[in-house]
Amino acid sequence: QQQQQQQLLHRNTHPSSSSSETPPPSPSHDNAWCRVCGRACTSAALVAFGEWLEHHSGIHRCWEWKPLIPAKELIRELGLKGREIGAAMEAQMAWRLENPGCSKEAMMAFLRRDR
């Protein structure tokens, strides 16, 4: 899935160009450099990708997300202890990135299965 996301990013941020294009040593203010292939991405393409990310992906500003299920509730519902709590919190955030529109109930079902 990560490879598919990288390919989508690549398709959405690159103008069509030959594979023999070699990037200059440092990017200009108009371009960014793709970590997948090292080619230049046009600013317009990056803006378009940013708009897609913001309006259609469901993960816009995901770094600001709080867990759907707080740790105290996980402890109460699943009987977690010690390191299991941190692992469940990490699993919760990772699964939410893959399923951004998930409900609290779907998250709890996932965590119960994942135990």
Protein backbone atom coordinates (compact mmCIF):
# COMPACT_ATOMS: atom_id res chain seq x y z
CA GLN A 1 0.00 0.00 0.00
CA GLN A 2 2.89 2.36 0.74
CA GLN A 3 4.24 1.72 -2.76
CA GLN A 4 0.81 2.58 -4.24
CA GLN A 5 0.76 5.82 -2.24
CA GLN A 6 4.24 6.73 -3.49
CA GLN A 7 3.18 6.02 -7.09
CA LEU A 8 0.07 8.17 -6.64
CA LEU A 9 2.19 10.98 -5.22
CA HIS A 10 4.61 10.53 -8.11
CA ARG A 11 1.85 10.67 -10.76
CA ASN A 12 0.20 13.69 -9.17
CA THR A 13 3.34 15.78 -8.77
CA HIS A 14 5.25 15.19 -12.01
CA PRO A 15 4.91 16.71 -15.40
CA SER A 16 5.49 14.17 -18.13
CA SER A 17 9.16 14.06 -18.91
CA SER A 18 11.79 11.62 -20.03
CA SER A 19 13.33 9.21 -17.56
CA SER A 20 16.78 10.46 -18.53
CA GLU A 21 16.16 13.81 -16.83
CA THR A 22 18.86 14.47 -14.24
CA PRO A 23 18.12 16.92 -11.44
CA PRO A 24 20.53 19.77 -10.90
CA PRO A 25 22.43 19.81 -7.60
CA SER A 26 20.00 22.13 -5.84
CA PRO A 27 16.32 22.87 -6.52
CA SER A 28 15.19 26.29 -7.61
CA HIS A 29 12.39 28.10 -5.80
CA ASP A 30 9.95 26.92 -8.53
CA ASN A 31 10.53 23.20 -8.12
CA ALA A 32 10.68 20.51 -5.47
CA TRP A 33 12.44 17.18 -5.87
CA CYS A 34 10.66 13.85 -5.78
CA ARG A 35 12.09 11.40 -3.26
CA VAL A 36 10.85 8.51 -5.41
CA CYS A 37 12.71 9.27 -8.64
CA GLY A 38 14.69 12.46 -8.01
CA ARG A 39 12.92 14.38 -10.81
CA ALA A 40 11.65 17.92 -10.51
CA CYS A 41 8.03 18.44 -9.51
CA THR A 42 6.43 21.63 -10.74
CA SER A 43 4.98 23.96 -8.16
CA ALA A 44 1.58 23.80 -9.88
CA ALA A 45 1.58 20.02 -9.60
CA LEU A 46 2.46 20.24 -5.92
CA VAL A 47 -0.37 22.70 -5.34
CA ALA A 48 -2.79 20.35 -7.13
CA PHE A 49 -1.59 17.43 -5.03
CA GLY A 50 -1.93 19.50 -1.86
CA GLU A 51 -5.51 20.34 -2.80
CA TRP A 52 -6.26 16.66 -3.40
CA LEU A 53 -4.67 15.77 -0.07
CA GLU A 54 -6.67 18.41 1.77
CA HIS A 55 -10.06 17.76 0.20
CA HIS A 56 -10.18 14.12 -0.86
CA SER A 57 -7.70 11.93 0.98
CA GLY A 58 -9.22 12.13 4.45
CA ILE A 59 -5.81 12.49 6.08
CA HIS A 60 -5.33 16.24 5.87
CA ARG A 61 -3.62 17.53 9.04
CA CYS A 62 -3.40 13.98 10.42
CA TRP A 63 -0.52 15.03 12.68
CA GLU A 64 -3.11 16.94 14.72
CA TRP A 65 -5.38 13.93 15.22
CA LYS A 66 -6.05 12.69 18.69
CA PRO A 67 -6.67 8.97 19.22
CA LEU A 68 -10.30 7.98 18.70
CA ILE A 69 -10.13 5.85 21.82
CA PRO A 70 -8.27 7.26 24.82
CA ALA A 71 -5.81 5.06 26.70
CA LYS A 72 -8.02 4.84 29.81
CA GLU A 73 -10.86 3.46 27.71
CA LEU A 74 -8.53 0.94 26.06
CA ILE A 75 -7.38 -0.23 29.48
CA ARG A 76 -10.98 -0.58 30.70
CA GLU A 77 -12.37 -2.22 27.54
CA LEU A 78 -9.45 -4.46 26.55
CA GLY A 79 -7.71 -5.02 29.88
CA LEU A 80 -4.36 -3.79 28.55
CA LYS A 81 -1.32 -3.37 30.76
CA GLY A 82 2.14 -1.86 30.45
CA ARG A 83 3.61 -1.83 26.95
CA GLU A 84 0.38 -3.21 25.47
CA ILE A 85 -1.18 0.23 25.98
CA GLY A 86 1.46 2.04 23.91
CA ALA A 87 1.33 -0.65 21.22
CA ALA A 88 -2.45 -0.33 21.02
CA MET A 89 -2.22 3.48 20.77
CA GLU A 90 0.31 3.18 17.92
CA ALA A 91 -1.78 0.53 16.14
CA GLN A 92 -4.82 2.77 16.48
CA MET A 93 -3.13 5.73 14.79
CA ALA A 94 -1.61 3.57 12.03
CA TRP A 95 -4.96 1.95 11.25
CA ARG A 96 -6.68 5.32 11.25
CA LEU A 97 -4.26 6.58 8.59
CA GLU A 98 -5.26 3.62 6.42
CA ASN A 99 -8.97 4.10 7.26
CA PRO A 100 -9.38 7.85 7.85
CA GLY A 101 -13.18 7.83 8.03
CA CYS A 102 -13.43 5.01 10.55
CA SER A 103 -15.77 5.17 13.52
CA LYS A 104 -14.88 4.59 17.15
CA GLU A 105 -16.75 1.26 17.02
CA ALA A 106 -14.81 0.09 13.95
CA MET A 107 -11.56 1.09 15.66
CA MET A 108 -12.44 -0.89 18.79
CA ALA A 109 -13.34 -3.92 16.66
CA PHE A 110 -9.97 -3.64 14.90
CA LEU A 111 -8.08 -3.39 18.19
CA ARG A 112 -9.93 -6.40 19.60
CA ARG A 113 -9.00 -8.45 16.49
CA ASP A 114 -5.41 -7.19 16.55
CA ARG A 115 -4.76 -8.28 20.14
